C-alpha atoms as a PDB file:
ATOM      1  CA  UNK A   1      -7.025  49.589 -14.261  1.00  0.00           C
ATOM      2  CA  UNK A   2      -6.402  46.397 -12.286  1.00  0.00           C
ATOM      3  CA  UNK A   3      -8.050  43.221 -13.463  1.00  0.00           C
ATOM      4  CA  UNK A   4     -10.690  42.029 -11.001  1.00  0.00           C
ATOM      5  CA  UNK A   5     -10.773  38.478  -9.696  1.00  0.00           C
ATOM      6  CA  UNK A   6     -13.843  36.260  -9.912  1.00  0.00           C
ATOM      7  CA  UNK A   7     -14.323  36.716  -6.156  1.00  0.00           C
ATOM      8  CA  UNK A   8     -14.380  40.502  -6.602  1.00  0.00           C
ATOM      9  CA  UNK A   9     -16.934  40.281  -9.406  1.00  0.00           C
ATOM     10  CA  UNK A  10     -19.248  37.679  -7.866  1.00  0.00           C
ATOM     11  CA  UNK A  11     -19.686  36.851  -4.191  1.00  0.00           C
ATOM     12  CA  UNK A  12     -21.153  33.378  -3.808  1.00  0.00           C
ATOM     13  CA  UNK A  13     -19.921  32.883  -0.246  1.00  0.00           C
ATOM     14  CA  UNK A  14     -22.224  30.611   1.722  1.00  0.00           C
ATOM     15  CA  UNK A  15     -23.893  29.252  -1.419  1.00  0.00           C
ATOM     16  CA  UNK A  16     -24.154  25.538  -2.114  1.00  0.00           C
ATOM     17  CA  UNK A  17     -23.857  24.476  -5.748  1.00  0.00           C
ATOM     18  CA  UNK A  18     -24.062  21.345  -7.883  1.00  0.00           C
ATOM     19  CA  UNK A  19     -22.322  20.903 -11.221  1.00  0.00           C
ATOM     20  CA  UNK A  20     -23.283  17.777 -13.144  1.00  0.00           C
ATOM     21  CA  UNK A  21     -20.488  16.473 -15.330  1.00  0.00           C
ATOM     22  CA  UNK A  22     -18.166  18.632 -13.249  1.00  0.00           C
ATOM     23  CA  UNK A  23     -15.131  16.361 -13.277  1.00  0.00           C
ATOM     24  CA  UNK A  24     -13.660  17.374 -16.623  1.00  0.00           C
ATOM     25  CA  UNK A  25     -13.733  19.915 -19.442  1.00  0.00           C
ATOM     26  CA  UNK A  26     -16.274  22.729 -19.291  1.00  0.00           C
ATOM     27  CA  UNK A  27     -17.721  21.243 -16.102  1.00  0.00           C
ATOM     28  CA  UNK A  28     -14.388  21.406 -14.273  1.00  0.00           C
ATOM     29  CA  UNK A  29     -13.968  25.033 -15.391  1.00  0.00           C
ATOM     30  CA  UNK A  30     -17.453  25.848 -14.039  1.00  0.00           C
ATOM     31  CA  UNK A  31     -16.610  24.171 -10.726  1.00  0.00           C
ATOM     32  CA  UNK A  32     -13.398  26.195 -10.528  1.00  0.00           C
ATOM     33  CA  UNK A  33     -15.130  29.520 -11.184  1.00  0.00           C
ATOM     34  CA  UNK A  34     -17.938  28.840  -8.707  1.00  0.00           C
ATOM     35  CA  UNK A  35     -15.349  27.950  -6.087  1.00  0.00           C
ATOM     36  CA  UNK A  36     -13.299  31.078  -6.818  1.00  0.00           C
ATOM     37  CA  UNK A  37     -16.464  33.101  -6.173  1.00  0.00           C
ATOM     38  CA  UNK A  38     -16.864  31.396  -2.786  1.00  0.00           C
ATOM     39  CA  UNK A  39     -19.461  28.702  -3.503  1.00  0.00           C
ATOM     40  CA  UNK A  40     -19.174  25.217  -2.015  1.00  0.00           C
ATOM     41  CA  UNK A  41     -19.574  22.766  -4.890  1.00  0.00           C
ATOM     42  CA  UNK A  42     -20.788  19.199  -5.232  1.00  0.00           C
ATOM     43  CA  UNK A  43     -19.238  17.652  -8.314  1.00  0.00           C
ATOM     44  CA  UNK A  44     -21.752  15.109  -9.615  1.00  0.00           C
ATOM     45  CA  UNK A  45     -20.183  12.890 -12.229  1.00  0.00           C
ATOM     46  CA  UNK A  46     -20.391   9.328 -13.543  1.00  0.00           C
ATOM     47  CA  UNK A  47     -16.576   9.178 -13.181  1.00  0.00           C
ATOM     48  CA  UNK A  48     -16.019   9.300  -9.415  1.00  0.00           C
ATOM     49  CA  UNK A  49     -12.220   9.128  -9.685  1.00  0.00           C
ATOM     50  CA  UNK A  50     -12.072  12.198 -11.929  1.00  0.00           C
ATOM     51  CA  UNK A  51     -14.629  14.024  -9.759  1.00  0.00           C
ATOM     52  CA  UNK A  52     -12.582  13.239  -6.642  1.00  0.00           C
ATOM     53  CA  UNK A  53      -9.440  14.650  -8.277  1.00  0.00           C
ATOM     54  CA  UNK A  54     -11.289  17.835  -9.226  1.00  0.00           C
ATOM     55  CA  UNK A  55     -12.663  18.172  -5.688  1.00  0.00           C
ATOM     56  CA  UNK A  56      -9.160  17.687  -4.281  1.00  0.00           C
ATOM     57  CA  UNK A  57      -7.804  20.484  -6.502  1.00  0.00           C
ATOM     58  CA  UNK A  58     -10.528  22.804  -5.218  1.00  0.00           C
ATOM     59  CA  UNK A  59      -9.747  21.917  -1.599  1.00  0.00           C
ATOM     60  CA  UNK A  60      -6.013  22.447  -2.158  1.00  0.00           C
ATOM     61  CA  UNK A  61      -6.840  26.015  -3.240  1.00  0.00           C
ATOM     62  CA  UNK A  62      -8.878  26.567  -0.064  1.00  0.00           C
ATOM     63  CA  UNK A  63     -12.300  25.903  -1.546  1.00  0.00           C
ATOM     64  CA  UNK A  64     -15.065  23.555  -0.476  1.00  0.00           C
ATOM     65  CA  UNK A  65     -15.969  20.669  -2.752  1.00  0.00           C
ATOM     66  CA  UNK A  66     -17.356  17.148  -2.571  1.00  0.00           C
ATOM     67  CA  UNK A  67     -17.387  14.482  -5.263  1.00  0.00           C
ATOM     68  CA  UNK A  68     -20.457  12.293  -5.709  1.00  0.00           C
ATOM     69  CA  UNK A  69     -20.861   9.532  -8.279  1.00  0.00           C
ATOM     70  CA  UNK A  70     -24.088  10.197 -10.124  1.00  0.00           C
ATOM     71  CA  UNK A  71     -25.758   9.124 -13.339  1.00  0.00           C
ATOM     72  CA  UNK A  72     -27.913  11.976 -14.650  1.00  0.00           C
ATOM     73  CA  UNK A  73     -30.405   9.418 -15.978  1.00  0.00           C
ATOM     74  CA  UNK A  74     -31.254   8.331 -12.420  1.00  0.00           C
ATOM     75  CA  UNK A  75     -33.962  10.008 -10.348  1.00  0.00           C
ATOM     76  CA  UNK A  76     -32.499   8.409  -7.209  1.00  0.00           C
ATOM     77  CA  UNK A  77     -29.079   9.882  -8.009  1.00  0.00           C
ATOM     78  CA  UNK A  78     -30.560  13.332  -8.642  1.00  0.00           C
ATOM     79  CA  UNK A  79     -32.273  13.262  -5.258  1.00  0.00           C
ATOM     80  CA  UNK A  80     -29.151  11.888  -3.548  1.00  0.00           C
ATOM     81  CA  UNK A  81     -26.975  14.683  -4.955  1.00  0.00           C
ATOM     82  CA  UNK A  82     -29.463  17.423  -3.984  1.00  0.00           C
ATOM     83  CA  UNK A  83     -29.772  16.040  -0.450  1.00  0.00           C
ATOM     84  CA  UNK A  84     -25.991  15.611  -0.144  1.00  0.00           C
ATOM     85  CA  UNK A  85     -25.480  19.255  -1.110  1.00  0.00           C
ATOM     86  CA  UNK A  86     -27.837  20.466   1.614  1.00  0.00           C
ATOM     87  CA  UNK A  87     -26.339  18.091   4.201  1.00  0.00           C
ATOM     88  CA  UNK A  88     -22.737  18.976   3.313  1.00  0.00           C
ATOM     89  CA  UNK A  89     -23.023  22.715   2.779  1.00  0.00           C
ATOM     90  CA  UNK A  90     -26.271  23.789   4.460  1.00  0.00           C
ATOM     91  CA  UNK A  91     -28.093  24.889   1.323  1.00  0.00           C
ATOM     92  CA  UNK A  92     -28.608  24.267  -2.363  1.00  0.00           C
ATOM     93  CA  UNK A  93     -28.629  27.572  -4.184  1.00  0.00           C
ATOM     94  CA  UNK A  94     -27.146  26.840  -7.615  1.00  0.00           C
ATOM     95  CA  UNK A  95     -27.444  23.967 -10.069  1.00  0.00           C
ATOM     96  CA  UNK A  96     -25.488  23.818 -13.314  1.00  0.00           C
ATOM     97  CA  UNK A  97     -26.762  21.030 -15.577  1.00  0.00           C
ATOM     98  CA  UNK A  98     -23.585  20.507 -17.556  1.00  0.00           C
ATOM     99  CA  UNK A  99     -23.442  16.720 -18.057  1.00  0.00           C
ATOM    100  CA  UNK A 100     -23.986  15.692 -21.637  1.00  0.00           C
ATOM    101  CA  UNK A 101     -22.790  13.570 -24.514  1.00  0.00           C
ATOM    102  CA  UNK A 102     -22.137  14.425 -28.163  1.00  0.00           C
ATOM    103  CA  UNK A 103     -21.911  11.159 -30.119  1.00  0.00           C
ATOM    104  CA  UNK A 104     -21.560  11.552 -33.875  1.00  0.00           C
ATOM    105  CA  UNK A 105     -23.982   9.387 -35.857  1.00  0.00           C
ATOM    106  CA  UNK A 106     -25.748   9.876 -39.166  1.00  0.00           C
ATOM    107  CA  UNK A 107     -29.526   9.864 -38.791  1.00  0.00           C
ATOM    108  CA  UNK A 108     -29.918   6.774 -40.980  1.00  0.00           C
ATOM    109  CA  UNK A 109     -27.415   4.922 -38.793  1.00  0.00           C
ATOM    110  CA  UNK A 110     -28.530   6.149 -35.363  1.00  0.00           C
ATOM    111  CA  UNK A 111     -29.717   3.242 -33.254  1.00  0.00           C
ATOM    112  CA  UNK A 112     -32.604   3.372 -30.841  1.00  0.00           C
ATOM    113  CA  UNK A 113     -30.113   2.763 -28.020  1.00  0.00           C
ATOM    114  CA  UNK A 114     -27.997   5.776 -29.026  1.00  0.00           C
ATOM    115  CA  UNK A 115     -31.094   7.970 -29.414  1.00  0.00           C
ATOM    116  CA  UNK A 116     -32.372   6.945 -25.972  1.00  0.00           C
ATOM    117  CA  UNK A 117     -28.966   7.338 -24.292  1.00  0.00           C
ATOM    118  CA  UNK A 118     -28.467  10.825 -25.744  1.00  0.00           C
ATOM    119  CA  UNK A 119     -31.950  12.046 -24.822  1.00  0.00           C
ATOM    120  CA  UNK A 120     -31.745  10.436 -21.386  1.00  0.00           C
ATOM    121  CA  UNK A 121     -28.413  12.019 -20.459  1.00  0.00           C
ATOM    122  CA  UNK A 122     -28.850  15.404 -22.119  1.00  0.00           C
ATOM    123  CA  UNK A 123     -32.566  16.100 -21.620  1.00  0.00           C
ATOM    124  CA  UNK A 124     -34.033  13.715 -19.048  1.00  0.00           C
ATOM    125  CA  UNK A 125     -31.012  14.258 -16.787  1.00  0.00           C
ATOM    126  CA  UNK A 126     -31.442  18.022 -16.994  1.00  0.00           C
ATOM    127  CA  UNK A 127     -35.068  17.637 -15.939  1.00  0.00           C
ATOM    128  CA  UNK A 128     -34.402  15.167 -13.109  1.00  0.00           C
ATOM    129  CA  UNK A 129     -31.626  17.255 -11.548  1.00  0.00           C
ATOM    130  CA  UNK A 130     -33.627  20.476 -11.995  1.00  0.00           C
ATOM    131  CA  UNK A 131     -36.634  18.896 -10.299  1.00  0.00           C
ATOM    132  CA  UNK A 132     -34.565  17.560  -7.386  1.00  0.00           C
ATOM    133  CA  UNK A 133     -32.813  20.900  -6.912  1.00  0.00           C
ATOM    134  CA  UNK A 134     -36.039  22.909  -7.174  1.00  0.00           C
ATOM    135  CA  UNK A 135     -37.635  20.726  -4.497  1.00  0.00           C
ATOM    136  CA  UNK A 136     -34.823  21.627  -2.098  1.00  0.00           C
ATOM    137  CA  UNK A 137     -34.912  25.286  -3.138  1.00  0.00           C
ATOM    138  CA  UNK A 138     -38.674  25.603  -2.635  1.00  0.00           C
ATOM    139  CA  UNK A 139     -38.446  23.798   0.697  1.00  0.00           C
ATOM    140  CA  UNK A 140     -35.809  26.305   1.900  1.00  0.00           C
ATOM    141  CA  UNK A 141     -37.844  29.271   0.539  1.00  0.00           C
ATOM    142  CA  UNK A 142     -34.647  31.092  -0.540  1.00  0.00           C
ATOM    143  CA  UNK A 143     -35.019  30.782  -4.289  1.00  0.00           C
ATOM    144  CA  UNK A 144     -32.090  29.709  -6.404  1.00  0.00           C
ATOM    145  CA  UNK A 145     -30.460  29.573  -9.803  1.00  0.00           C
ATOM    146  CA  UNK A 146     -30.518  26.765 -12.351  1.00  0.00           C
ATOM    147  CA  UNK A 147     -28.291  27.025 -15.414  1.00  0.00           C
ATOM    148  CA  UNK A 148     -28.742  24.488 -18.210  1.00  0.00           C
ATOM    149  CA  UNK A 149     -26.098  23.827 -20.830  1.00  0.00           C
ATOM    150  CA  UNK A 150     -27.868  23.832 -24.171  1.00  0.00           C
ATOM    151  CA  UNK A 151     -26.023  24.255 -27.473  1.00  0.00           C
ATOM    152  CA  UNK A 152     -26.014  26.450 -30.520  1.00  0.00           C
ATOM    153  CA  UNK A 153     -26.998  23.195 -32.286  1.00  0.00           C
ATOM    154  CA  UNK A 154     -30.418  23.567 -30.643  1.00  0.00           C
ATOM    155  CA  UNK A 155     -31.191  26.530 -32.895  1.00  0.00           C
ATOM    156  CA  UNK A 156     -28.712  25.938 -35.724  1.00  0.00           C
ATOM    157  CA  UNK A 157     -28.576  22.144 -36.245  1.00  0.00           C
ATOM    158  CA  UNK A 158     -25.554  20.476 -37.752  1.00  0.00           C
ATOM    159  CA  UNK A 159     -25.458  17.208 -39.671  1.00  0.00           C
ATOM    160  CA  UNK A 160     -24.734  13.775 -38.218  1.00  0.00           C
ATOM    161  CA  UNK A 161     -25.992  14.710 -34.752  1.00  0.00           C
ATOM    162  CA  UNK A 162     -29.789  14.857 -35.109  1.00  0.00           C
ATOM    163  CA  UNK A 163     -30.214  13.029 -31.789  1.00  0.00           C
ATOM    164  CA  UNK A 164     -27.959  15.581 -30.051  1.00  0.00           C
ATOM    165  CA  UNK A 165     -29.712  18.508 -31.754  1.00  0.00           C
ATOM    166  CA  UNK A 166     -33.083  17.181 -30.607  1.00  0.00           C
ATOM    167  CA  UNK A 167     -31.867  16.756 -27.035  1.00  0.00           C
ATOM    168  CA  UNK A 168     -30.479  20.282 -26.843  1.00  0.00           C
ATOM    169  CA  UNK A 169     -33.589  21.756 -28.491  1.00  0.00           C
ATOM    170  CA  UNK A 170     -35.504  20.032 -25.722  1.00  0.00           C
ATOM    171  CA  UNK A 171     -33.204  21.594 -23.123  1.00  0.00           C
ATOM    172  CA  UNK A 172     -34.032  25.074 -24.470  1.00  0.00           C
ATOM    173  CA  UNK A 173     -37.767  24.425 -24.356  1.00  0.00           C
ATOM    174  CA  UNK A 174     -37.536  22.808 -20.923  1.00  0.00           C
ATOM    175  CA  UNK A 175     -35.573  25.796 -19.627  1.00  0.00           C
ATOM    176  CA  UNK A 176     -38.303  28.201 -20.721  1.00  0.00           C
ATOM    177  CA  UNK A 177     -41.058  26.054 -19.218  1.00  0.00           C
ATOM    178  CA  UNK A 178     -39.293  25.666 -15.860  1.00  0.00           C
ATOM    179  CA  UNK A 179     -38.415  29.368 -15.754  1.00  0.00           C
ATOM    180  CA  UNK A 180     -42.106  30.244 -16.058  1.00  0.00           C
ATOM    181  CA  UNK A 181     -43.268  27.651 -13.553  1.00  0.00           C
ATOM    182  CA  UNK A 182     -40.659  28.264 -10.876  1.00  0.00           C
ATOM    183  CA  UNK A 183     -40.296  32.064 -11.061  1.00  0.00           C
ATOM    184  CA  UNK A 184     -42.930  32.541  -8.320  1.00  0.00           C
ATOM    185  CA  UNK A 185     -40.625  30.516  -6.025  1.00  0.00           C
ATOM    186  CA  UNK A 186     -37.678  32.806  -6.747  1.00  0.00           C
ATOM    187  CA  UNK A 187     -35.931  30.165  -8.866  1.00  0.00           C
ATOM    188  CA  UNK A 188     -34.372  31.658 -11.972  1.00  0.00           C
ATOM    189  CA  UNK A 189     -33.767  29.156 -14.771  1.00  0.00           C
ATOM    190  CA  UNK A 190     -31.546  30.016 -17.728  1.00  0.00           C
ATOM    191  CA  UNK A 191     -29.698  28.217 -20.500  1.00  0.00           C
ATOM    192  CA  UNK A 192     -26.291  28.830 -22.007  1.00  0.00           C
ATOM    193  CA  UNK A 193     -25.749  27.752 -25.618  1.00  0.00           C
ATOM    194  CA  UNK A 194     -22.051  27.225 -26.375  1.00  0.00           C
END
C-alpha cells in the first residue's frame, strides 16, 4: 500500500492559517505540514529573520507564506496578524497557538519578572491571538479551527518549572472555556499536549 502524502490526507486548499512561534522547531514543522496540505500560512514570530527564512522555504516549495514580526504578549500584534492573514490570503480559518517559552527555574528562585513573562507569552498570548482570530472568524461566518499547544506538564507537573506548569494548565482550561463559548459560531478549539 502506497504511503499517502499530507495533501492526500488533508485538503486545506484555500484556507488561511496563522502559526505563532512558527519560525523554528515544532512551529516550523507545523507551518510545513499546513502548507503541504494547501493552506496559506502567516508565520507570526518575535524573530522576523527566522520567520522570513521559513516563509521563503515554503515559497520555494510552491506554497504560500508570509512572515510577520509579532510578540504574543501584544494585543495590537495579535490584531495585526489576524488582519494581515485576511488581507493576504482572503480568510483566516486556522490558528495554531504554538509560541511559548520553557525557562527552567526552581520555585524558590523564580522571579516575578520570569513568572510574568512565562504567563504572558504562554497563556496571555494564547488568549490574545485566539480572541483576534475568533473575531475574524465570526465576522466571516465560516467558522474555524484554533489549536493550542499545551503540555503534558499541565496535567503531570515536573519540578523546577512551576511557572511553566501553571501557564500550560491555564492553556488547557482556557481551551475548554473557549471551545464552549465559540462552538455556536462554528469555531472548534482544541489543545495538543506534547
